[in-house]
Amino acid sequence: MALRARLESIVTPVVADAGCDLEDLTVSRAGRRQIIRILVDADGGVGLDAIAEVSRAISAALDAAEETGGELVPGEYQLEVSSPGVDRPLTQPRHWRRNVGRLVQVTAGDRQVTGRITAADEDGVVIDTAKGIVEAEYAQLGPGKVQIEFNRVDEAEFGPDDEEDDEDDLDDEEDDEEVEGEER
């Protein structure tokens, strides 16, 4: 626990300076080395470039801490920085806020609720279910779980106008080719 607390005191300001939140930090042993796993997230998510930047900054901060205070992690260690996956439980207001628009399942009181998060703030969440709107304070909820959707109708399908526009574009390209052929 002392190692984890020491690592958190070094890593937290670095992650915050990058505009992210430290979601989790774990230290585990793999053979002769330690693995330091750090999960970071931010409003709007974190991309690979941001993860790489945060990883470099954390590595530099850990190196600097070892130079000034001696060996931080006994022996060799491997640093892994990533963002949480969809399987991370929604437990903090920021987790709910970052998942507005997604389908979730959660225990609210004595019942299981499945629906789409339509709003979330520091006090509670609004979930649109098949049976109506559920408004709940976080204290009334268990951890939420994002439900994976492979085919959302509003994102996956094209409307009839989109298909016609694509066909019109193809017709225009054919016309352009004919004109180019005539000019030769």
N, C-alpha and C. Protein backbone atom coordinates (compact mmCIF):
# COMPACT_ATOMS: atom_id res chain seq x y z
N MET A 1 0.82 -1.20 0.00
CA MET A 1 0.00 0.00 0.00
C MET A 1 0.86 1.27 0.00
N ALA A 2 1.99 1.21 0.67
CA ALA A 2 2.86 2.39 0.73
C ALA A 2 3.39 2.72 -0.67
N LEU A 3 3.74 1.67 -1.43
CA LEU A 3 4.24 1.88 -2.79
C LEU A 3 3.15 2.51 -3.66
N ARG A 4 1.94 1.97 -3.57
CA ARG A 4 0.82 2.51 -4.37
C ARG A 4 0.56 3.97 -4.02
N ALA A 5 0.55 4.30 -2.73
CA ALA A 5 0.31 5.68 -2.30
C ALA A 5 1.42 6.61 -2.80
N ARG A 6 2.65 6.12 -2.75
CA ARG A 6 3.78 6.93 -3.23
C ARG A 6 3.68 7.16 -4.74
N LEU A 7 3.33 6.10 -5.47
CA LEU A 7 3.17 6.24 -6.92
C LEU A 7 2.02 7.20 -7.25
N GLU A 8 0.91 7.09 -6.54
CA GLU A 8 -0.22 8.00 -6.78
C GLU A 8 0.17 9.45 -6.55
N SER A 9 0.98 9.70 -5.51
CA SER A 9 1.38 11.08 -5.23
C SER A 9 2.25 11.66 -6.35
N ILE A 10 2.96 10.81 -7.07
CA ILE A 10 3.78 11.26 -8.20
C ILE A 10 2.95 11.36 -9.47
N VAL A 11 2.10 10.38 -9.71
CA VAL A 11 1.36 10.26 -10.97
C VAL A 11 0.17 11.21 -11.06
N THR A 12 -0.56 11.40 -9.97
CA THR A 12 -1.79 12.20 -10.01
C THR A 12 -1.59 13.61 -10.58
N PRO A 13 -0.57 14.37 -10.11
CA PRO A 13 -0.39 15.72 -10.69
C PRO A 13 -0.01 15.69 -12.18
N VAL A 14 0.73 14.68 -12.59
CA VAL A 14 1.14 14.56 -13.99
C VAL A 14 -0.09 14.33 -14.87
N VAL A 15 -0.96 13.43 -14.42
CA VAL A 15 -2.18 13.11 -15.16
C VAL A 15 -3.10 14.33 -15.20
N ALA A 16 -3.22 15.03 -14.08
CA ALA A 16 -4.06 16.23 -14.02
C ALA A 16 -3.53 17.33 -14.95
N ASP A 17 -2.21 17.49 -15.00
CA ASP A 17 -1.60 18.49 -15.90
C ASP A 17 -1.91 18.18 -17.36
N ALA A 18 -2.13 16.91 -17.68
CA ALA A 18 -2.45 16.50 -19.05
C ALA A 18 -3.95 16.65 -19.33
N GLY A 19 -4.72 17.13 -18.34
CA GLY A 19 -6.16 17.32 -18.54
C GLY A 19 -6.96 16.03 -18.38
N CYS A 20 -6.40 15.08 -17.66
CA CYS A 20 -7.07 13.78 -17.49
C CYS A 20 -7.34 13.52 -16.01
N ASP A 21 -8.12 12.47 -15.76
CA ASP A 21 -8.37 12.00 -14.41
C ASP A 21 -7.67 10.66 -14.24
N LEU A 22 -7.06 10.45 -13.08
CA LEU A 22 -6.50 9.15 -12.75
C LEU A 22 -7.65 8.27 -12.28
N GLU A 23 -7.99 7.26 -13.06
CA GLU A 23 -9.11 6.38 -12.73
C GLU A 23 -8.67 5.21 -11.86
N ASP A 24 -7.45 4.71 -12.08
CA ASP A 24 -6.99 3.58 -11.28
C ASP A 24 -5.48 3.46 -11.43
N LEU A 25 -4.85 2.94 -10.39
CA LEU A 25 -3.42 2.64 -10.41
C LEU A 25 -3.25 1.34 -9.64
N THR A 26 -2.66 0.35 -10.30
CA THR A 26 -2.40 -0.93 -9.63
C THR A 26 -0.95 -1.32 -9.85
N VAL A 27 -0.43 -2.06 -8.89
CA VAL A 27 0.91 -2.60 -8.99
C VAL A 27 0.80 -4.09 -8.75
N SER A 28 1.34 -4.87 -9.69
CA SER A 28 1.31 -6.33 -9.54
C SER A 28 2.66 -6.90 -9.96
N ARG A 29 2.92 -8.10 -9.53
CA ARG A 29 4.18 -8.75 -9.85
C ARG A 29 3.97 -9.70 -11.02
N ALA A 30 4.93 -9.70 -11.95
CA ALA A 30 4.95 -10.64 -13.07
C ALA A 30 6.37 -11.16 -13.18
N GLY A 31 6.61 -12.29 -12.57
CA GLY A 31 7.98 -12.82 -12.55
C GLY A 31 8.87 -11.96 -11.68
N ARG A 32 9.98 -11.51 -12.25
CA ARG A 32 10.94 -10.68 -11.49
C ARG A 32 10.57 -9.20 -11.50
N ARG A 33 9.65 -8.81 -12.36
CA ARG A 33 9.35 -7.38 -12.43
C ARG A 33 7.97 -7.05 -11.90
N GLN A 34 7.82 -5.77 -11.63
CA GLN A 34 6.55 -5.21 -11.21
C GLN A 34 5.87 -4.60 -12.45
N ILE A 35 4.57 -4.68 -12.49
CA ILE A 35 3.83 -4.01 -13.56
C ILE A 35 3.00 -2.91 -12.91
N ILE A 36 3.21 -1.70 -13.37
CA ILE A 36 2.43 -0.56 -12.89
C ILE A 36 1.41 -0.24 -13.97
N ARG A 37 0.13 -0.46 -13.66
CA ARG A 37 -0.96 -0.20 -14.61
C ARG A 37 -1.70 1.05 -14.18
N ILE A 38 -1.81 1.98 -15.11
CA ILE A 38 -2.47 3.25 -14.83
C ILE A 38 -3.58 3.45 -15.85
N LEU A 39 -4.78 3.74 -15.34
CA LEU A 39 -5.92 4.04 -16.20
C LEU A 39 -6.23 5.52 -16.10
N VAL A 40 -6.32 6.18 -17.25
CA VAL A 40 -6.66 7.60 -17.29
C VAL A 40 -7.85 7.80 -18.22
N ASP A 41 -8.62 8.84 -17.94
CA ASP A 41 -9.76 9.16 -18.78
C ASP A 41 -9.96 10.67 -18.73
N ALA A 42 -10.76 11.17 -19.65
CA ALA A 42 -11.06 12.60 -19.70
C ALA A 42 -12.41 12.80 -20.36
N ASP A 43 -13.00 13.96 -20.15
CA ASP A 43 -14.24 14.27 -20.87
C ASP A 43 -13.94 14.23 -22.35
N GLY A 44 -14.77 13.56 -23.11
CA GLY A 44 -14.54 13.40 -24.53
C GLY A 44 -13.64 12.21 -24.85
N GLY A 45 -13.17 11.51 -23.81
CA GLY A 45 -12.32 10.34 -24.01
C GLY A 45 -10.87 10.72 -24.22
N VAL A 46 -10.02 9.72 -24.26
CA VAL A 46 -8.60 9.94 -24.52
C VAL A 46 -8.19 9.06 -25.68
N GLY A 47 -7.53 9.65 -26.64
CA GLY A 47 -7.06 8.91 -27.81
C GLY A 47 -5.67 8.35 -27.59
N LEU A 48 -5.20 7.64 -28.58
CA LEU A 48 -3.87 7.02 -28.47
C LEU A 48 -2.75 8.04 -28.33
N ASP A 49 -2.87 9.16 -29.03
CA ASP A 49 -1.83 10.19 -28.92
C ASP A 49 -1.76 10.76 -27.51
N ALA A 50 -2.94 11.01 -26.91
CA ALA A 50 -2.97 11.52 -25.54
C ALA A 50 -2.42 10.49 -24.56
N ILE A 51 -2.75 9.22 -24.76
CA ILE A 51 -2.23 8.15 -23.90
C ILE A 51 -0.70 8.11 -24.00
N ALA A 52 -0.18 8.23 -25.20
CA ALA A 52 1.28 8.20 -25.39
C ALA A 52 1.94 9.38 -24.69
N GLU A 53 1.34 10.56 -24.80
CA GLU A 53 1.89 11.75 -24.13
C GLU A 53 1.88 11.60 -22.62
N VAL A 54 0.76 11.13 -22.08
CA VAL A 54 0.65 10.93 -20.63
C VAL A 54 1.65 9.87 -20.17
N SER A 55 1.80 8.82 -20.95
CA SER A 55 2.74 7.76 -20.60
C SER A 55 4.17 8.29 -20.53
N ARG A 56 4.55 9.10 -21.52
CA ARG A 56 5.90 9.68 -21.50
C ARG A 56 6.09 10.60 -20.30
N ALA A 57 5.07 11.40 -19.99
CA ALA A 57 5.17 12.32 -18.86
C ALA A 57 5.26 11.56 -17.53
N ILE A 58 4.48 10.50 -17.38
CA ILE A 58 4.54 9.69 -16.16
C ILE A 58 5.90 9.02 -16.04
N SER A 59 6.40 8.48 -17.13
CA SER A 59 7.71 7.83 -17.12
C SER A 59 8.80 8.81 -16.69
N ALA A 60 8.74 10.02 -17.23
CA ALA A 60 9.72 11.04 -16.86
C ALA A 60 9.60 11.41 -15.38
N ALA A 61 8.38 11.52 -14.88
CA ALA A 61 8.16 11.86 -13.47
C ALA A 61 8.67 10.74 -12.56
N LEU A 62 8.45 9.50 -12.93
CA LEU A 62 8.95 8.37 -12.14
C LEU A 62 10.47 8.34 -12.14
N ASP A 63 11.07 8.59 -13.31
CA ASP A 63 12.54 8.64 -13.40
C ASP A 63 13.09 9.76 -12.52
N ALA A 64 12.47 10.92 -12.55
CA ALA A 64 12.92 12.06 -11.74
C ALA A 64 12.79 11.74 -10.25
N ALA A 65 11.69 11.08 -9.87
CA ALA A 65 11.50 10.72 -8.46
C ALA A 65 12.56 9.73 -8.00
N GLU A 66 12.97 8.82 -8.87
CA GLU A 66 14.02 7.86 -8.51
C GLU A 66 15.38 8.54 -8.40
N GLU A 67 15.64 9.53 -9.26
CA GLU A 67 16.92 10.24 -9.21
C GLU A 67 17.06 11.03 -7.91
N THR A 68 15.96 11.61 -7.44
CA THR A 68 16.04 12.45 -6.24
C THR A 68 15.81 11.68 -4.95
N GLY A 69 15.02 10.61 -4.99
CA GLY A 69 14.66 9.92 -3.75
C GLY A 69 15.08 8.47 -3.69
N GLY A 70 15.91 8.01 -4.58
CA GLY A 70 16.32 6.61 -4.57
C GLY A 70 15.33 5.73 -5.31
N GLU A 71 15.57 4.43 -5.24
CA GLU A 71 14.76 3.48 -5.98
C GLU A 71 13.30 3.55 -5.52
N LEU A 72 12.42 3.82 -6.47
CA LEU A 72 10.99 3.96 -6.19
C LEU A 72 10.30 2.60 -6.17
N VAL A 73 10.56 1.81 -7.21
CA VAL A 73 9.99 0.47 -7.34
C VAL A 73 11.15 -0.51 -7.28
N PRO A 74 11.10 -1.45 -6.32
CA PRO A 74 12.21 -2.39 -6.21
C PRO A 74 12.34 -3.25 -7.47
N GLY A 75 13.54 -3.30 -8.01
CA GLY A 75 13.80 -4.09 -9.21
C GLY A 75 13.28 -3.43 -10.47
N GLU A 76 13.08 -4.24 -11.50
CA GLU A 76 12.59 -3.73 -12.77
C GLU A 76 11.08 -3.56 -12.71
N TYR A 77 10.59 -2.60 -13.51
CA TYR A 77 9.15 -2.45 -13.62
C TYR A 77 8.77 -2.11 -15.05
N GLN A 78 7.52 -2.42 -15.36
CA GLN A 78 6.96 -2.10 -16.66
C GLN A 78 5.78 -1.17 -16.43
N LEU A 79 5.73 -0.09 -17.19
CA LEU A 79 4.66 0.89 -17.07
C LEU A 79 3.65 0.68 -18.18
N GLU A 80 2.37 0.54 -17.82
CA GLU A 80 1.29 0.41 -18.80
C GLU A 80 0.27 1.50 -18.52
N VAL A 81 0.05 2.36 -19.49
CA VAL A 81 -0.93 3.43 -19.36
C VAL A 81 -2.01 3.21 -20.42
N SER A 82 -3.26 3.22 -19.99
CA SER A 82 -4.36 3.01 -20.94
C SER A 82 -5.61 3.73 -20.44
N SER A 83 -6.65 3.65 -21.25
CA SER A 83 -7.95 4.19 -20.84
C SER A 83 -8.83 3.04 -20.42
N PRO A 84 -9.82 3.30 -19.56
CA PRO A 84 -10.70 2.22 -19.13
C PRO A 84 -11.55 1.72 -20.29
N GLY A 85 -11.87 0.46 -20.28
CA GLY A 85 -12.73 -0.11 -21.31
C GLY A 85 -14.20 0.07 -20.96
N VAL A 86 -15.07 -0.40 -21.83
CA VAL A 86 -16.50 -0.26 -21.59
C VAL A 86 -16.97 -1.12 -20.42
N ASP A 87 -16.15 -2.07 -20.00
CA ASP A 87 -16.55 -2.93 -18.89
C ASP A 87 -16.33 -2.29 -17.52
N ARG A 88 -15.73 -1.09 -17.49
CA ARG A 88 -15.53 -0.40 -16.23
C ARG A 88 -16.88 -0.02 -15.66
N PRO A 89 -17.13 -0.33 -14.39
CA PRO A 89 -18.41 0.08 -13.79
C PRO A 89 -18.51 1.59 -13.66
N LEU A 90 -19.70 2.12 -13.84
CA LEU A 90 -19.95 3.55 -13.69
C LEU A 90 -20.24 3.80 -12.22
N THR A 91 -19.30 4.41 -11.52
CA THR A 91 -19.44 4.62 -10.08
C THR A 91 -19.35 6.09 -9.68
N GLN A 92 -18.71 6.90 -10.47
CA GLN A 92 -18.52 8.31 -10.17
C GLN A 92 -19.40 9.17 -11.07
N PRO A 93 -19.80 10.35 -10.62
CA PRO A 93 -20.59 11.22 -11.50
C PRO A 93 -19.94 11.46 -12.85
N ARG A 94 -18.61 11.59 -12.90
CA ARG A 94 -17.92 11.83 -14.18
C ARG A 94 -18.06 10.63 -15.11
N HIS A 95 -18.13 9.41 -14.56
CA HIS A 95 -18.31 8.22 -15.40
C HIS A 95 -19.68 8.28 -16.09
N TRP A 96 -20.71 8.64 -15.35
CA TRP A 96 -22.06 8.73 -15.90
C TRP A 96 -22.11 9.84 -16.95
N ARG A 97 -21.51 10.99 -16.62
CA ARG A 97 -21.52 12.15 -17.54
C ARG A 97 -20.83 11.81 -18.86
N ARG A 98 -19.74 11.07 -18.78
CA ARG A 98 -18.99 10.72 -19.99
C ARG A 98 -19.69 9.67 -20.84
N ASN A 99 -20.74 9.08 -20.31
CA ASN A 99 -21.46 8.04 -21.06
C ASN A 99 -22.87 8.44 -21.43
N VAL A 100 -23.19 9.74 -21.39
CA VAL A 100 -24.50 10.21 -21.83
C VAL A 100 -24.71 9.77 -23.28
N GLY A 101 -25.88 9.21 -23.56
CA GLY A 101 -26.20 8.72 -24.89
C GLY A 101 -26.00 7.22 -25.03
N ARG A 102 -25.36 6.60 -24.05
CA ARG A 102 -25.09 5.16 -24.13
C ARG A 102 -26.15 4.38 -23.36
N LEU A 103 -26.31 3.15 -23.76
CA LEU A 103 -27.23 2.22 -23.12
C LEU A 103 -26.54 1.62 -21.90
N VAL A 104 -27.23 1.63 -20.74
CA VAL A 104 -26.64 1.11 -19.50
C VAL A 104 -27.63 0.21 -18.78
N GLN A 105 -27.08 -0.60 -17.90
CA GLN A 105 -27.88 -1.41 -16.99
C GLN A 105 -27.40 -1.10 -15.58
N VAL A 106 -28.35 -0.89 -14.66
CA VAL A 106 -27.99 -0.51 -13.30
C VAL A 106 -29.09 -0.97 -12.35
N THR A 107 -28.71 -1.22 -11.11
CA THR A 107 -29.68 -1.52 -10.08
C THR A 107 -30.06 -0.20 -9.42
N ALA A 108 -31.36 0.09 -9.42
CA ALA A 108 -31.89 1.30 -8.80
C ALA A 108 -32.85 0.86 -7.71
N GLY A 109 -32.42 0.98 -6.47
CA GLY A 109 -33.24 0.48 -5.38
C GLY A 109 -33.30 -1.03 -5.42
N ASP A 110 -34.51 -1.57 -5.60
CA ASP A 110 -34.67 -3.02 -5.63
C ASP A 110 -34.96 -3.56 -7.02
N ARG A 111 -34.78 -2.73 -8.04
CA ARG A 111 -35.08 -3.20 -9.40
C ARG A 111 -33.91 -2.94 -10.35
N GLN A 112 -33.88 -3.76 -11.39
CA GLN A 112 -32.87 -3.64 -12.44
C GLN A 112 -33.42 -2.70 -13.52
N VAL A 113 -32.63 -1.72 -13.93
CA VAL A 113 -33.06 -0.75 -14.93
C VAL A 113 -32.10 -0.82 -16.12
N THR A 114 -32.66 -0.89 -17.33
CA THR A 114 -31.87 -0.83 -18.55
C THR A 114 -32.43 0.29 -19.41
N GLY A 115 -31.57 1.20 -19.83
CA GLY A 115 -32.02 2.31 -20.65
C GLY A 115 -30.85 3.17 -21.08
N ARG A 116 -31.17 4.25 -21.78
CA ARG A 116 -30.16 5.15 -22.32
C ARG A 116 -30.01 6.36 -21.40
N ILE A 117 -28.77 6.69 -21.06
CA ILE A 117 -28.51 7.86 -20.23
C ILE A 117 -28.80 9.10 -21.08
N THR A 118 -29.73 9.93 -20.61
CA THR A 118 -30.05 11.15 -21.36
C THR A 118 -29.45 12.39 -20.71
N ALA A 119 -29.14 12.31 -19.42
CA ALA A 119 -28.52 13.45 -18.74
C ALA A 119 -27.83 12.94 -17.48
N ALA A 120 -26.77 13.63 -17.08
CA ALA A 120 -26.06 13.30 -15.85
C ALA A 120 -25.37 14.56 -15.36
N ASP A 121 -25.44 14.78 -14.05
CA ASP A 121 -24.73 15.91 -13.46
C ASP A 121 -24.07 15.43 -12.17
N GLU A 122 -23.68 16.32 -11.31
CA GLU A 122 -22.97 15.94 -10.08
C GLU A 122 -23.87 15.25 -9.07
N ASP A 123 -25.20 15.41 -9.19
CA ASP A 123 -26.12 14.86 -8.21
C ASP A 123 -26.77 13.54 -8.62
N GLY A 124 -27.07 13.40 -9.91
CA GLY A 124 -27.78 12.21 -10.34
C GLY A 124 -27.83 12.06 -11.85
N VAL A 125 -28.64 11.10 -12.28
CA VAL A 125 -28.69 10.71 -13.68
C VAL A 125 -30.14 10.56 -14.12
N VAL A 126 -30.37 10.77 -15.42
CA VAL A 126 -31.68 10.54 -16.02
C VAL A 126 -31.49 9.44 -17.06
N ILE A 127 -32.32 8.38 -16.94
CA ILE A 127 -32.22 7.23 -17.84
C ILE A 127 -33.56 7.03 -18.51
N ASP A 128 -33.55 6.97 -19.84
CA ASP A 128 -34.75 6.73 -20.63
C ASP A 128 -34.88 5.23 -20.85
N THR A 129 -35.91 4.62 -20.24
CA THR A 129 -36.12 3.18 -20.34
C THR A 129 -37.35 2.91 -21.19
N ALA A 130 -37.60 1.65 -21.51
CA ALA A 130 -38.79 1.26 -22.27
C ALA A 130 -40.06 1.56 -21.48
N LYS A 131 -39.97 1.64 -20.16
CA LYS A 131 -41.14 1.91 -19.31
C LYS A 131 -41.25 3.38 -18.91
N GLY A 132 -40.34 4.22 -19.39
CA GLY A 132 -40.40 5.64 -19.07
C GLY A 132 -39.08 6.16 -18.54
N ILE A 133 -39.10 7.39 -18.09
CA ILE A 133 -37.91 8.07 -17.60
C ILE A 133 -37.67 7.71 -16.13
N VAL A 134 -36.42 7.40 -15.81
CA VAL A 134 -36.02 7.15 -14.43
C VAL A 134 -35.00 8.22 -14.06
N GLU A 135 -35.32 8.96 -13.00
CA GLU A 135 -34.38 9.95 -12.47
C GLU A 135 -33.93 9.44 -11.12
N ALA A 136 -32.61 9.39 -10.90
CA ALA A 136 -32.10 8.85 -9.65
C ALA A 136 -30.84 9.59 -9.21
N GLU A 137 -30.70 9.71 -7.90
CA GLU A 137 -29.45 10.22 -7.34
C GLU A 137 -28.46 9.07 -7.29
N TYR A 138 -27.18 9.37 -7.38
CA TYR A 138 -26.16 8.32 -7.42
C TYR A 138 -26.21 7.42 -6.19
N ALA A 139 -26.57 7.98 -5.02
CA ALA A 139 -26.64 7.18 -3.80
C ALA A 139 -27.70 6.07 -3.90
N GLN A 140 -28.68 6.24 -4.80
CA GLN A 140 -29.74 5.25 -4.98
C GLN A 140 -29.35 4.16 -5.97
N LEU A 141 -28.22 4.32 -6.63
CA LEU A 141 -27.82 3.42 -7.70
C LEU A 141 -26.65 2.53 -7.31
N GLY A 142 -26.65 1.33 -7.86
CA GLY A 142 -25.46 0.49 -7.79
C GLY A 142 -24.55 0.91 -8.94
N PRO A 143 -23.44 0.21 -9.12
CA PRO A 143 -22.57 0.53 -10.25
C PRO A 143 -23.29 0.26 -11.58
N GLY A 144 -23.19 1.19 -12.50
CA GLY A 144 -23.80 1.02 -13.82
C GLY A 144 -22.87 0.25 -14.73
N LYS A 145 -23.47 -0.42 -15.70
CA LYS A 145 -22.67 -1.17 -16.67
C LYS A 145 -23.12 -0.78 -18.08
N VAL A 146 -22.18 -0.29 -18.89
CA VAL A 146 -22.48 0.07 -20.26
C VAL A 146 -22.79 -1.20 -21.05
N GLN A 147 -23.85 -1.15 -21.82
CA GLN A 147 -24.24 -2.28 -22.66
C GLN A 147 -23.68 -2.05 -24.06
N ILE A 148 -23.03 -3.04 -24.60
CA ILE A 148 -22.41 -2.91 -25.92
C ILE A 148 -23.49 -3.03 -26.98
N GLU A 149 -23.49 -2.07 -27.90
CA GLU A 149 -24.44 -2.06 -29.01
C GLU A 149 -23.64 -2.13 -30.31
N PHE A 150 -23.90 -3.15 -31.10
CA PHE A 150 -23.18 -3.28 -32.35
C PHE A 150 -23.85 -2.54 -33.50
N ASN A 151 -25.16 -2.41 -33.48
CA ASN A 151 -25.89 -1.75 -34.56
C ASN A 151 -26.89 -0.76 -34.01
N ARG A 152 -26.45 0.47 -33.80
CA ARG A 152 -27.39 1.52 -33.42
C ARG A 152 -27.98 2.06 -34.70
N VAL A 153 -29.30 2.06 -34.77
CA VAL A 153 -29.99 2.47 -35.99
C VAL A 153 -29.61 3.89 -36.40
N ASP A 154 -29.54 4.81 -35.44
CA ASP A 154 -29.28 6.21 -35.79
C ASP A 154 -27.85 6.44 -36.26
N GLU A 155 -26.94 5.51 -36.04
CA GLU A 155 -25.57 5.68 -36.49
C GLU A 155 -25.21 4.77 -37.66
N ALA A 156 -25.88 3.61 -37.76
CA ALA A 156 -25.45 2.59 -38.71
C ALA A 156 -26.14 2.66 -40.06
N GLU A 157 -27.35 3.19 -40.12
CA GLU A 157 -28.10 3.17 -41.38
C GLU A 157 -28.06 4.53 -42.06
N PHE A 158 -28.10 4.50 -43.37
CA PHE A 158 -28.20 5.71 -44.17
C PHE A 158 -29.66 5.94 -44.48
N GLY A 159 -30.05 7.17 -44.51
CA GLY A 159 -31.41 7.50 -44.92
C GLY A 159 -31.50 7.42 -46.43
N PRO A 160 -32.72 7.42 -46.97
CA PRO A 160 -32.88 7.32 -48.41
C PRO A 160 -32.22 8.49 -49.15
N ASP A 161 -32.19 9.66 -48.52
CA ASP A 161 -31.56 10.82 -49.17
C ASP A 161 -30.06 10.62 -49.32
N ASP A 162 -29.43 9.96 -48.32
CA ASP A 162 -27.98 9.73 -48.38
C ASP A 162 -27.62 8.85 -49.56
N GLU A 163 -28.40 7.78 -49.79
CA GLU A 163 -28.10 6.88 -50.90
C GLU A 163 -28.28 7.59 -52.24
N GLU A 164 -29.32 8.40 -52.36
CA GLU A 164 -29.54 9.12 -53.61
C GLU A 164 -28.41 10.11 -53.87
N ASP A 165 -27.93 10.78 -52.81
CA ASP A 165 -26.82 11.72 -52.98
C ASP A 165 -25.59 10.99 -53.49
N ASP A 166 -25.32 9.79 -52.96
CA ASP A 166 -24.16 9.03 -53.41
C ASP A 166 -24.30 8.66 -54.89
N GLU A 167 -25.53 8.26 -55.32
CA GLU A 167 -25.75 7.91 -56.72
C GLU A 167 -25.58 9.14 -57.61
N ASP A 168 -26.07 10.29 -57.14
CA ASP A 168 -25.91 11.53 -57.91
C ASP A 168 -24.43 11.86 -58.07
N ASP A 169 -23.65 11.66 -57.02
CA ASP A 169 -22.22 11.93 -57.10
C ASP A 169 -21.56 11.04 -58.13
N LEU A 170 -21.97 9.77 -58.17
CA LEU A 170 -21.41 8.85 -59.16
C LEU A 170 -21.78 9.29 -60.58
N ASP A 171 -23.04 9.72 -60.78
CA ASP A 171 -23.46 10.21 -62.08
C ASP A 171 -22.63 11.41 -62.50
N ASP A 172 -22.36 12.33 -61.56
CA ASP A 172 -21.55 13.51 -61.86
C ASP A 172 -20.15 13.11 -62.28
N GLU A 173 -19.56 12.09 -61.60
CA GLU A 173 -18.22 11.65 -61.96
C GLU A 173 -18.19 11.09 -63.37
N GLU A 174 -19.25 10.31 -63.74
CA GLU A 174 -19.31 9.76 -65.09
C GLU A 174 -19.41 10.88 -66.12
N ASP A 175 -20.21 11.92 -65.80
CA ASP A 175 -20.33 13.05 -66.71
C ASP A 175 -18.99 13.75 -66.88
N ASP A 176 -18.24 13.90 -65.80
CA ASP A 176 -16.93 14.54 -65.86
C ASP A 176 -15.99 13.75 -66.76
N GLU A 177 -16.04 12.40 -66.65
CA GLU A 177 -15.16 11.58 -67.47
C GLU A 177 -15.50 11.75 -68.94
N GLU A 178 -16.79 11.83 -69.28
CA GLU A 178 -17.19 12.00 -70.67
C GLU A 178 -16.69 13.33 -71.22
N VAL A 179 -16.81 14.38 -70.41
CA VAL A 179 -16.36 15.68 -70.84
C VAL A 179 -14.86 15.67 -71.07
N GLU A 180 -14.14 15.03 -70.14
CA GLU A 180 -12.69 14.97 -70.29
C GLU A 180 -12.33 14.21 -71.55
N GLY A 181 -13.06 13.14 -71.86
CA GLY A 181 -12.78 12.36 -73.05
C GLY A 181 -13.01 13.15 -74.31
N GLU A 182 -14.01 14.02 -74.33
CA GLU A 182 -14.34 14.82 -75.52
C GLU A 182 -13.30 15.90 -75.77
N GLU A 183 -12.67 16.39 -74.72
CA GLU A 183 -11.73 17.48 -74.88
C GLU A 183 -10.41 17.02 -75.47
N ARG A 184 -10.13 15.78 -75.49
CA ARG A 184 -8.84 15.30 -75.97
C ARG A 184 -8.71 15.49 -77.41
